All heavy atoms as atom14 arrays in JSON, in Angstrom:
{
  "sequence": "DFAFTVAIGSIISSILTSSTSLVHGAVAIVSLLVITFISSYLQRALKF",
  "atom14_mask": [
    [1, 1, 1, 1, 1, 1, 1, 1, 0, 0, 0, 0, 0, 0],
    [1, 1, 1, 1, 1, 1, 1, 1, 1, 1, 1, 0, 0, 0],
    [1, 1, 1, 1, 1, 0, 0, 0, 0, 0, 0, 0, 0, 0],
    [1, 1, 1, 1, 1, 1, 1, 1, 1, 1, 1, 0, 0, 0],
    [1, 1, 1, 1, 1, 1, 1, 0, 0, 0, 0, 0, 0, 0],
    [1, 1, 1, 1, 1, 1, 1, 0, 0, 0, 0, 0, 0, 0],
    [1, 1, 1, 1, 1, 0, 0, 0, 0, 0, 0, 0, 0, 0],
    [1, 1, 1, 1, 1, 1, 1, 1, 0, 0, 0, 0, 0, 0],
    [1, 1, 1, 1, 0, 0, 0, 0, 0, 0, 0, 0, 0, 0],
    [1, 1, 1, 1, 1, 1, 0, 0, 0, 0, 0, 0, 0, 0],
    [1, 1, 1, 1, 1, 1, 1, 1, 0, 0, 0, 0, 0, 0],
    [1, 1, 1, 1, 1, 1, 1, 1, 0, 0, 0, 0, 0, 0],
    [1, 1, 1, 1, 1, 1, 0, 0, 0, 0, 0, 0, 0, 0],
    [1, 1, 1, 1, 1, 1, 0, 0, 0, 0, 0, 0, 0, 0],
    [1, 1, 1, 1, 1, 1, 1, 1, 0, 0, 0, 0, 0, 0],
    [1, 1, 1, 1, 1, 1, 1, 1, 0, 0, 0, 0, 0, 0],
    [1, 1, 1, 1, 1, 1, 1, 0, 0, 0, 0, 0, 0, 0],
    [1, 1, 1, 1, 1, 1, 0, 0, 0, 0, 0, 0, 0, 0],
    [1, 1, 1, 1, 1, 1, 0, 0, 0, 0, 0, 0, 0, 0],
    [1, 1, 1, 1, 1, 1, 1, 0, 0, 0, 0, 0, 0, 0],
    [1, 1, 1, 1, 1, 1, 0, 0, 0, 0, 0, 0, 0, 0],
    [1, 1, 1, 1, 1, 1, 1, 1, 0, 0, 0, 0, 0, 0],
    [1, 1, 1, 1, 1, 1, 1, 0, 0, 0, 0, 0, 0, 0],
    [1, 1, 1, 1, 1, 1, 1, 1, 1, 1, 0, 0, 0, 0],
    [1, 1, 1, 1, 0, 0, 0, 0, 0, 0, 0, 0, 0, 0],
    [1, 1, 1, 1, 1, 0, 0, 0, 0, 0, 0, 0, 0, 0],
    [1, 1, 1, 1, 1, 1, 1, 0, 0, 0, 0, 0, 0, 0],
    [1, 1, 1, 1, 1, 0, 0, 0, 0, 0, 0, 0, 0, 0],
    [1, 1, 1, 1, 1, 1, 1, 1, 0, 0, 0, 0, 0, 0],
    [1, 1, 1, 1, 1, 1, 1, 0, 0, 0, 0, 0, 0, 0],
    [1, 1, 1, 1, 1, 1, 0, 0, 0, 0, 0, 0, 0, 0],
    [1, 1, 1, 1, 1, 1, 1, 1, 0, 0, 0, 0, 0, 0],
    [1, 1, 1, 1, 1, 1, 1, 1, 0, 0, 0, 0, 0, 0],
    [1, 1, 1, 1, 1, 1, 1, 0, 0, 0, 0, 0, 0, 0],
    [1, 1, 1, 1, 1, 1, 1, 1, 0, 0, 0, 0, 0, 0],
    [1, 1, 1, 1, 1, 1, 1, 0, 0, 0, 0, 0, 0, 0],
    [1, 1, 1, 1, 1, 1, 1, 1, 1, 1, 1, 0, 0, 0],
    [1, 1, 1, 1, 1, 1, 1, 1, 0, 0, 0, 0, 0, 0],
    [1, 1, 1, 1, 1, 1, 0, 0, 0, 0, 0, 0, 0, 0],
    [1, 1, 1, 1, 1, 1, 0, 0, 0, 0, 0, 0, 0, 0],
    [1, 1, 1, 1, 1, 1, 1, 1, 1, 1, 1, 1, 0, 0],
    [1, 1, 1, 1, 1, 1, 1, 1, 0, 0, 0, 0, 0, 0],
    [1, 1, 1, 1, 1, 1, 1, 1, 1, 0, 0, 0, 0, 0],
    [1, 1, 1, 1, 1, 1, 1, 1, 1, 1, 1, 0, 0, 0],
    [1, 1, 1, 1, 1, 0, 0, 0, 0, 0, 0, 0, 0, 0],
    [1, 1, 1, 1, 1, 1, 1, 1, 0, 0, 0, 0, 0, 0],
    [1, 1, 1, 1, 1, 1, 1, 1, 1, 0, 0, 0, 0, 0],
    [1, 1, 1, 1, 1, 1, 1, 1, 1, 1, 1, 0, 0, 0]
  ],
  "atom14_positions": [
    [[0.11, 7.82, -6.54], [-0.79, 6.73, -6.9], [-0.05, 5.65, -7.7], [-0.27, 4.46, -7.51], [-1.98, 7.25, -7.72], [-2.82, 8.22, -6.92], [-3.0, 8.01, -5.71], [-3.3, 9.2, -7.52], [0.0, 0.0, 0.0], [0.0, 0.0, 0.0], [0.0, 0.0, 0.0], [0.0, 0.0, 0.0], [0.0, 0.0, 0.0], [0.0, 0.0, 0.0]],
    [[0.83, 6.1, -8.6], [1.63, 5.15, -9.38], [2.53, 4.33, -8.45], [2.61, 3.1, -8.56], [2.46, 5.9, -10.42], [3.4, 5.01, -11.18], [2.92, 4.15, -12.15], [4.76, 5.02, -10.9], [3.79, 3.31, -12.85], [5.63, 4.2, -11.59], [5.15, 3.34, -12.57], [0.0, 0.0, 0.0], [0.0, 0.0, 0.0], [0.0, 0.0, 0.0]],
    [[3.2, 5.02, -7.52], [4.09, 4.32, -6.57], [3.3, 3.33, -5.73], [3.77, 2.22, -5.45], [4.8, 5.34, -5.68], [0.0, 0.0, 0.0], [0.0, 0.0, 0.0], [0.0, 0.0, 0.0], [0.0, 0.0, 0.0], [0.0, 0.0, 0.0], [0.0, 0.0, 0.0], [0.0, 0.0, 0.0], [0.0, 0.0, 0.0], [0.0, 0.0, 0.0]],
    [[2.09, 3.72, -5.34], [1.22, 2.84, -4.56], [0.91, 1.56, -5.34], [1.01, 0.46, -4.81], [-0.08, 3.56, -4.19], [-1.15, 2.65, -3.72], [-1.15, 2.16, -2.43], [-2.16, 2.23, -4.57], [-2.13, 1.29, -1.99], [-3.14, 1.37, -4.14], [-3.12, 0.9, -2.86], [0.0, 0.0, 0.0], [0.0, 0.0, 0.0], [0.0, 0.0, 0.0]],
    [[0.56, 1.71, -6.61], [0.2, 0.55, -7.43], [1.39, -0.39, -7.58], [1.25, -1.61, -7.48], [-0.31, 1.02, -8.81], [-1.4, 1.9, -8.61], [-0.77, -0.15, -9.65], [0.0, 0.0, 0.0], [0.0, 0.0, 0.0], [0.0, 0.0, 0.0], [0.0, 0.0, 0.0], [0.0, 0.0, 0.0], [0.0, 0.0, 0.0], [0.0, 0.0, 0.0]],
    [[2.58, 0.17, -7.79], [3.79, -0.65, -7.91], [4.07, -1.36, -6.58], [4.41, -2.55, -6.56], [4.99, 0.21, -8.35], [6.3, -0.57, -8.24], [4.79, 0.73, -9.76], [0.0, 0.0, 0.0], [0.0, 0.0, 0.0], [0.0, 0.0, 0.0], [0.0, 0.0, 0.0], [0.0, 0.0, 0.0], [0.0, 0.0, 0.0], [0.0, 0.0, 0.0]],
    [[3.9, -0.65, -5.47], [4.16, -1.24, -4.15], [3.2, -2.4, -3.87], [3.61, -3.44, -3.35], [4.06, -0.18, -3.06], [0.0, 0.0, 0.0], [0.0, 0.0, 0.0], [0.0, 0.0, 0.0], [0.0, 0.0, 0.0], [0.0, 0.0, 0.0], [0.0, 0.0, 0.0], [0.0, 0.0, 0.0], [0.0, 0.0, 0.0], [0.0, 0.0, 0.0]],
    [[1.93, -2.22, -4.22], [0.95, -3.29, -4.01], [1.35, -4.53, -4.82], [1.33, -5.65, -4.32], [-0.48, -2.83, -4.4], [-1.02, -1.83, -3.39], [-1.43, -4.01, -4.54], [-1.36, -2.4, -2.04], [0.0, 0.0, 0.0], [0.0, 0.0, 0.0], [0.0, 0.0, 0.0], [0.0, 0.0, 0.0], [0.0, 0.0, 0.0], [0.0, 0.0, 0.0]],
    [[1.74, -4.31, -6.07], [2.17, -5.43, -6.9], [3.38, -6.15, -6.31], [3.45, -7.38, -6.31], [0.0, 0.0, 0.0], [0.0, 0.0, 0.0], [0.0, 0.0, 0.0], [0.0, 0.0, 0.0], [0.0, 0.0, 0.0], [0.0, 0.0, 0.0], [0.0, 0.0, 0.0], [0.0, 0.0, 0.0], [0.0, 0.0, 0.0], [0.0, 0.0, 0.0]],
    [[4.31, -5.37, -5.79], [5.5, -5.94, -5.19], [5.15, -6.76, -3.93], [5.69, -7.85, -3.72], [6.48, -4.82, -4.83], [7.6, -5.34, -4.18], [0.0, 0.0, 0.0], [0.0, 0.0, 0.0], [0.0, 0.0, 0.0], [0.0, 0.0, 0.0], [0.0, 0.0, 0.0], [0.0, 0.0, 0.0], [0.0, 0.0, 0.0], [0.0, 0.0, 0.0]],
    [[4.25, -6.24, -3.13], [3.84, -6.95, -1.91], [3.16, -8.27, -2.28], [3.44, -9.31, -1.7], [2.92, -6.08, -1.04], [3.71, -4.94, -0.43], [2.26, -6.91, 0.05], [2.85, -3.87, 0.23], [0.0, 0.0, 0.0], [0.0, 0.0, 0.0], [0.0, 0.0, 0.0], [0.0, 0.0, 0.0], [0.0, 0.0, 0.0], [0.0, 0.0, 0.0]],
    [[2.25, -8.21, -3.24], [1.54, -9.43, -3.65], [2.53, -10.46, -4.18], [2.46, -11.64, -3.84], [0.46, -9.1, -4.69], [-0.66, -8.3, -4.02], [-0.1, -10.36, -5.33], [-1.68, -7.72, -4.98], [0.0, 0.0, 0.0], [0.0, 0.0, 0.0], [0.0, 0.0, 0.0], [0.0, 0.0, 0.0], [0.0, 0.0, 0.0], [0.0, 0.0, 0.0]],
    [[3.49, -10.01, -4.99], [4.5, -10.92, -5.51], [5.31, -11.55, -4.37], [5.57, -12.75, -4.37], [5.43, -10.15, -6.45], [6.51, -10.95, -6.82], [0.0, 0.0, 0.0], [0.0, 0.0, 0.0], [0.0, 0.0, 0.0], [0.0, 0.0, 0.0], [0.0, 0.0, 0.0], [0.0, 0.0, 0.0], [0.0, 0.0, 0.0], [0.0, 0.0, 0.0]],
    [[5.66, -10.73, -3.39], [6.44, -11.22, -2.26], [5.65, -12.25, -1.45], [6.2, -13.27, -1.03], [6.82, -10.04, -1.36], [7.5, -10.49, -0.23], [0.0, 0.0, 0.0], [0.0, 0.0, 0.0], [0.0, 0.0, 0.0], [0.0, 0.0, 0.0], [0.0, 0.0, 0.0], [0.0, 0.0, 0.0], [0.0, 0.0, 0.0], [0.0, 0.0, 0.0]],
    [[4.37, -11.99, -1.28], [3.53, -12.93, -0.52], [3.45, -14.27, -1.23], [3.56, -15.33, -0.61], [2.11, -12.37, -0.32], [2.14, -11.14, 0.57], [1.17, -13.42, 0.26], [0.85, -10.35, 0.55], [0.0, 0.0, 0.0], [0.0, 0.0, 0.0], [0.0, 0.0, 0.0], [0.0, 0.0, 0.0], [0.0, 0.0, 0.0], [0.0, 0.0, 0.0]],
    [[3.25, -14.22, -2.54], [3.0, -15.45, -3.29], [4.26, -16.22, -3.65], [4.19, -17.39, -3.98], [2.21, -15.13, -4.56], [0.82, -14.51, -4.32], [0.15, -14.2, -5.64], [-0.04, -15.44, -3.48], [0.0, 0.0, 0.0], [0.0, 0.0, 0.0], [0.0, 0.0, 0.0], [0.0, 0.0, 0.0], [0.0, 0.0, 0.0], [0.0, 0.0, 0.0]],
    [[5.42, -15.57, -3.6], [6.63, -16.26, -4.05], [7.72, -16.38, -2.99], [8.77, -16.91, -3.28], [7.24, -15.53, -5.28], [7.58, -14.2, -4.91], [6.28, -15.54, -6.45], [0.0, 0.0, 0.0], [0.0, 0.0, 0.0], [0.0, 0.0, 0.0], [0.0, 0.0, 0.0], [0.0, 0.0, 0.0], [0.0, 0.0, 0.0], [0.0, 0.0, 0.0]],
    [[7.48, -15.89, -1.79], [8.53, -15.99, -0.77], [7.93, -16.46, 0.54], [6.8, -16.89, 0.61], [9.23, -14.64, -0.6], [8.38, -13.74, 0.06], [0.0, 0.0, 0.0], [0.0, 0.0, 0.0], [0.0, 0.0, 0.0], [0.0, 0.0, 0.0], [0.0, 0.0, 0.0], [0.0, 0.0, 0.0], [0.0, 0.0, 0.0], [0.0, 0.0, 0.0]],
    [[8.7, -16.3, 1.57], [8.27, -16.78, 2.89], [7.45, -15.75, 3.65], [7.13, -15.95, 4.82], [9.5, -17.18, 3.71], [10.33, -16.05, 3.88], [0.0, 0.0, 0.0], [0.0, 0.0, 0.0], [0.0, 0.0, 0.0], [0.0, 0.0, 0.0], [0.0, 0.0, 0.0], [0.0, 0.0, 0.0], [0.0, 0.0, 0.0], [0.0, 0.0, 0.0]],
    [[7.08, -14.62, 3.01], [6.25, -13.62, 3.68], [4.88, -14.23, 3.96], [4.26, -14.8, 3.07], [6.08, -12.37, 2.79], [7.37, -11.87, 2.49], [5.26, -11.31, 3.48], [0.0, 0.0, 0.0], [0.0, 0.0, 0.0], [0.0, 0.0, 0.0], [0.0, 0.0, 0.0], [0.0, 0.0, 0.0], [0.0, 0.0, 0.0], [0.0, 0.0, 0.0]],
    [[4.41, -14.09, 5.2], [3.13, -14.7, 5.54], [1.97, -13.88, 4.97], [2.11, -12.69, 4.67], [2.97, -14.79, 7.06], [2.79, -13.49, 7.61], [0.0, 0.0, 0.0], [0.0, 0.0, 0.0], [0.0, 0.0, 0.0], [0.0, 0.0, 0.0], [0.0, 0.0, 0.0], [0.0, 0.0, 0.0], [0.0, 0.0, 0.0], [0.0, 0.0, 0.0]],
    [[0.83, -14.53, 4.83], [-0.36, -13.86, 4.32], [-0.79, -12.72, 5.23], [-1.17, -11.64, 4.76], [-1.51, -14.85, 4.16], [-1.43, -15.78, 2.95], [-2.52, -16.82, 3.01], [-1.51, -14.99, 1.67], [0.0, 0.0, 0.0], [0.0, 0.0, 0.0], [0.0, 0.0, 0.0], [0.0, 0.0, 0.0], [0.0, 0.0, 0.0], [0.0, 0.0, 0.0]],
    [[-0.71, -12.93, 6.53], [-1.1, -11.88, 7.48], [-0.17, -10.68, 7.35], [-0.63, -9.53, 7.3], [-1.12, -12.42, 8.93], [-1.32, -11.31, 9.93], [-2.19, -13.49, 9.08], [0.0, 0.0, 0.0], [0.0, 0.0, 0.0], [0.0, 0.0, 0.0], [0.0, 0.0, 0.0], [0.0, 0.0, 0.0], [0.0, 0.0, 0.0], [0.0, 0.0, 0.0]],
    [[1.12, -10.94, 7.27], [2.1, -9.86, 7.12], [1.82, -9.07, 5.83], [1.82, -7.84, 5.82], [3.5, -10.46, 7.11], [4.6, -9.46, 7.14], [5.81, -9.67, 6.57], [4.66, -8.2, 7.64], [6.57, -8.62, 6.72], [5.9, -7.7, 7.37], [0.0, 0.0, 0.0], [0.0, 0.0, 0.0], [0.0, 0.0, 0.0], [0.0, 0.0, 0.0]],
    [[1.58, -9.79, 4.74], [1.28, -9.14, 3.46], [-0.02, -8.36, 3.5], [-0.11, -7.24, 2.99], [0.0, 0.0, 0.0], [0.0, 0.0, 0.0], [0.0, 0.0, 0.0], [0.0, 0.0, 0.0], [0.0, 0.0, 0.0], [0.0, 0.0, 0.0], [0.0, 0.0, 0.0], [0.0, 0.0, 0.0], [0.0, 0.0, 0.0], [0.0, 0.0, 0.0]],
    [[-1.04, -8.94, 4.12], [-2.34, -8.26, 4.23], [-2.21, -6.98, 5.05], [-2.79, -5.95, 4.69], [-3.38, -9.19, 4.84], [0.0, 0.0, 0.0], [0.0, 0.0, 0.0], [0.0, 0.0, 0.0], [0.0, 0.0, 0.0], [0.0, 0.0, 0.0], [0.0, 0.0, 0.0], [0.0, 0.0, 0.0], [0.0, 0.0, 0.0], [0.0, 0.0, 0.0]],
    [[-1.44, -7.02, 6.12], [-1.22, -5.82, 6.94], [-0.49, -4.76, 6.12], [-0.84, -3.57, 6.18], [-0.42, -6.17, 8.23], [0.08, -4.91, 8.93], [-1.29, -6.99, 9.17], [0.0, 0.0, 0.0], [0.0, 0.0, 0.0], [0.0, 0.0, 0.0], [0.0, 0.0, 0.0], [0.0, 0.0, 0.0], [0.0, 0.0, 0.0], [0.0, 0.0, 0.0]],
    [[0.48, -5.17, 5.31], [1.2, -4.21, 4.46], [0.26, -3.57, 3.44], [0.3, -2.36, 3.22], [2.36, -4.91, 3.76], [0.0, 0.0, 0.0], [0.0, 0.0, 0.0], [0.0, 0.0, 0.0], [0.0, 0.0, 0.0], [0.0, 0.0, 0.0], [0.0, 0.0, 0.0], [0.0, 0.0, 0.0], [0.0, 0.0, 0.0], [0.0, 0.0, 0.0]],
    [[-0.59, -4.36, 2.83], [-1.54, -3.83, 1.84], [-2.54, -2.88, 2.5], [-2.8, -1.78, 1.99], [-2.27, -4.99, 1.11], [-1.29, -5.7, 0.18], [-3.48, -4.48, 0.34], [-1.82, -6.97, -0.42], [0.0, 0.0, 0.0], [0.0, 0.0, 0.0], [0.0, 0.0, 0.0], [0.0, 0.0, 0.0], [0.0, 0.0, 0.0], [0.0, 0.0, 0.0]],
    [[-3.09, -3.28, 3.64], [-4.04, -2.41, 4.35], [-3.34, -1.11, 4.75], [-3.91, -0.02, 4.61], [-4.64, -3.14, 5.58], [-5.41, -2.18, 6.47], [-5.55, -4.28, 5.12], [0.0, 0.0, 0.0], [0.0, 0.0, 0.0], [0.0, 0.0, 0.0], [0.0, 0.0, 0.0], [0.0, 0.0, 0.0], [0.0, 0.0, 0.0], [0.0, 0.0, 0.0]],
    [[-2.1, -1.2, 5.22], [-1.36, 0.0, 5.61], [-1.19, 0.94, 4.42], [-1.39, 2.16, 4.55], [0.02, -0.37, 6.15], [-0.1, -1.16, 7.3], [0.0, 0.0, 0.0], [0.0, 0.0, 0.0], [0.0, 0.0, 0.0], [0.0, 0.0, 0.0], [0.0, 0.0, 0.0], [0.0, 0.0, 0.0], [0.0, 0.0, 0.0], [0.0, 0.0, 0.0]],
    [[-0.82, 0.4, 3.27], [-0.67, 1.24, 2.08], [-2.0, 1.88, 1.66], [-2.03, 3.05, 1.27], [-0.13, 0.42, 0.91], [1.38, 0.23, 0.88], [1.77, -0.71, -0.24], [2.09, 1.56, 0.7], [0.0, 0.0, 0.0], [0.0, 0.0, 0.0], [0.0, 0.0, 0.0], [0.0, 0.0, 0.0], [0.0, 0.0, 0.0], [0.0, 0.0, 0.0]],
    [[-3.09, 1.12, 1.76], [-4.4, 1.69, 1.42], [-4.79, 2.81, 2.38], [-5.34, 3.83, 1.96], [-5.46, 0.59, 1.38], [-5.39, -0.32, 0.15], [-6.22, -1.57, 0.37], [-5.84, 0.41, -1.09], [0.0, 0.0, 0.0], [0.0, 0.0, 0.0], [0.0, 0.0, 0.0], [0.0, 0.0, 0.0], [0.0, 0.0, 0.0], [0.0, 0.0, 0.0]],
    [[-4.49, 2.63, 3.65], [-4.79, 3.69, 4.64], [-3.92, 4.92, 4.36], [-4.41, 6.06, 4.41], [-4.58, 3.17, 6.08], [-4.61, 4.3, 7.09], [-5.65, 2.13, 6.42], [0.0, 0.0, 0.0], [0.0, 0.0, 0.0], [0.0, 0.0, 0.0], [0.0, 0.0, 0.0], [0.0, 0.0, 0.0], [0.0, 0.0, 0.0], [0.0, 0.0, 0.0]],
    [[-2.65, 4.72, 4.04], [-1.77, 5.84, 3.7], [-2.3, 6.57, 2.47], [-2.31, 7.81, 2.42], [-0.32, 5.36, 3.47], [0.31, 4.92, 4.8], [0.53, 6.43, 2.81], [1.61, 4.17, 4.66], [0.0, 0.0, 0.0], [0.0, 0.0, 0.0], [0.0, 0.0, 0.0], [0.0, 0.0, 0.0], [0.0, 0.0, 0.0], [0.0, 0.0, 0.0]],
    [[-2.8, 5.83, 1.48], [-3.38, 6.43, 0.28], [-4.62, 7.25, 0.63], [-4.82, 8.35, 0.11], [-3.73, 5.35, -0.75], [-2.55, 4.64, -1.07], [-4.33, 5.94, -2.0], [0.0, 0.0, 0.0], [0.0, 0.0, 0.0], [0.0, 0.0, 0.0], [0.0, 0.0, 0.0], [0.0, 0.0, 0.0], [0.0, 0.0, 0.0], [0.0, 0.0, 0.0]],
    [[-5.45, 6.71, 1.51], [-6.65, 7.42, 1.95], [-6.27, 8.73, 2.64], [-6.82, 9.79, 2.34], [-7.45, 6.53, 2.9], [-8.69, 7.17, 3.44], [-9.82, 7.3, 2.64], [-8.72, 7.65, 4.74], [-10.96, 7.89, 3.13], [-9.86, 8.25, 5.24], [-10.99, 8.37, 4.44], [0.0, 0.0, 0.0], [0.0, 0.0, 0.0], [0.0, 0.0, 0.0]],
    [[-5.3, 8.69, 3.54], [-4.85, 9.89, 4.24], [-4.23, 10.88, 3.25], [-4.49, 12.09, 3.31], [-3.84, 9.52, 5.36], [-4.56, 8.75, 6.47], [-3.14, 10.76, 5.92], [-3.62, 8.08, 7.46], [0.0, 0.0, 0.0], [0.0, 0.0, 0.0], [0.0, 0.0, 0.0], [0.0, 0.0, 0.0], [0.0, 0.0, 0.0], [0.0, 0.0, 0.0]],
    [[-3.44, 10.37, 2.31], [-2.81, 11.23, 1.31], [-3.86, 11.93, 0.44], [-3.72, 13.12, 0.14], [-1.87, 10.42, 0.43], [-1.3, 11.23, -0.55], [0.0, 0.0, 0.0], [0.0, 0.0, 0.0], [0.0, 0.0, 0.0], [0.0, 0.0, 0.0], [0.0, 0.0, 0.0], [0.0, 0.0, 0.0], [0.0, 0.0, 0.0], [0.0, 0.0, 0.0]],
    [[-4.9, 11.22, 0.04], [-5.93, 11.86, -0.8], [-6.67, 12.94, -0.01], [-7.03, 13.99, -0.56], [-6.9, 10.82, -1.35], [-7.66, 10.24, -0.33], [0.0, 0.0, 0.0], [0.0, 0.0, 0.0], [0.0, 0.0, 0.0], [0.0, 0.0, 0.0], [0.0, 0.0, 0.0], [0.0, 0.0, 0.0], [0.0, 0.0, 0.0], [0.0, 0.0, 0.0]],
    [[-6.85, 12.72, 1.29], [-7.47, 13.75, 2.13], [-6.56, 14.98, 2.22], [-7.03, 16.11, 2.09], [-7.76, 13.19, 3.54], [-8.23, 14.27, 4.48], [-9.54, 14.74, 4.43], [-7.35, 14.84, 5.4], [-9.96, 15.74, 5.28], [-7.77, 15.84, 6.25], [-9.07, 16.29, 6.19], [-9.49, 17.3, 7.03], [0.0, 0.0, 0.0], [0.0, 0.0, 0.0]],
    [[-5.27, 14.75, 2.44], [-4.32, 15.86, 2.55], [-4.22, 16.63, 1.23], [-4.04, 17.85, 1.24], [-2.94, 15.35, 2.96], [-2.82, 14.83, 4.4], [-1.44, 14.23, 4.65], [-3.13, 15.94, 5.4], [0.0, 0.0, 0.0], [0.0, 0.0, 0.0], [0.0, 0.0, 0.0], [0.0, 0.0, 0.0], [0.0, 0.0, 0.0], [0.0, 0.0, 0.0]],
    [[-4.34, 15.94, 0.1], [-4.32, 16.62, -1.2], [-5.48, 17.6, -1.33], [-5.32, 18.68, -1.88], [-4.41, 15.6, -2.34], [-3.09, 15.01, -2.72], [-3.25, 14.1, -3.91], [-3.61, 12.95, -3.77], [-2.99, 14.63, -5.09], [0.0, 0.0, 0.0], [0.0, 0.0, 0.0], [0.0, 0.0, 0.0], [0.0, 0.0, 0.0], [0.0, 0.0, 0.0]],
    [[-6.63, 17.2, -0.84], [-7.8, 18.1, -0.9], [-7.68, 19.23, 0.1], [-8.09, 20.36, -0.17], [-9.09, 17.31, -0.64], [-9.48, 16.41, -1.79], [-10.87, 15.81, -1.6], [-11.11, 15.18, -0.31], [-10.81, 13.92, -0.01], [-10.25, 13.16, -0.92], [-11.06, 13.42, 1.17], [0.0, 0.0, 0.0], [0.0, 0.0, 0.0], [0.0, 0.0, 0.0]],
    [[-7.11, 18.96, 1.27], [-7.07, 19.94, 2.34], [-5.89, 20.91, 2.24], [-6.03, 22.08, 2.61], [-7.03, 19.22, 3.69], [0.0, 0.0, 0.0], [0.0, 0.0, 0.0], [0.0, 0.0, 0.0], [0.0, 0.0, 0.0], [0.0, 0.0, 0.0], [0.0, 0.0, 0.0], [0.0, 0.0, 0.0], [0.0, 0.0, 0.0], [0.0, 0.0, 0.0]],
    [[-4.75, 20.45, 1.76], [-3.53, 21.27, 1.75], [-2.99, 21.42, 0.33], [-2.51, 20.47, -0.27], [-2.45, 20.63, 2.63], [-2.84, 20.32, 4.08], [-1.76, 19.49, 4.75], [-3.11, 21.6, 4.84], [0.0, 0.0, 0.0], [0.0, 0.0, 0.0], [0.0, 0.0, 0.0], [0.0, 0.0, 0.0], [0.0, 0.0, 0.0], [0.0, 0.0, 0.0]],
    [[-3.06, 22.64, -0.18], [-2.62, 22.92, -1.55], [-1.13, 22.61, -1.73], [-0.73, 22.04, -2.75], [-2.91, 24.4, -1.88], [-2.52, 24.81, -3.26], [-3.44, 24.2, -4.3], [-3.09, 24.76, -5.68], [-3.58, 23.95, -6.73], [0.0, 0.0, 0.0], [0.0, 0.0, 0.0], [0.0, 0.0, 0.0], [0.0, 0.0, 0.0], [0.0, 0.0, 0.0]],
    [[-0.29, 22.98, -0.74], [1.14, 22.74, -0.89], [1.45, 21.24, -0.98], [2.34, 20.82, -1.69], [1.95, 23.4, 0.24], [2.0, 22.61, 1.52], [3.04, 21.72, 1.74], [1.03, 22.79, 2.49], [3.1, 20.98, 2.92], [1.08, 22.06, 3.67], [2.11, 21.15, 3.88], [0.0, 0.0, 0.0], [0.0, 0.0, 0.0], [0.0, 0.0, 0.0]]
  ]
}
């Protein structure tokens, strides 16, 4: 979760301060949120 929060901040910074397009950044953020959703499901389902 900590790594996710840092990654989101980095993506937002990249979008607002570089040539990364808004669509590219939005896709990256949505992808990270989906990965987080899958990870939270796996945490509940798989003890290891």
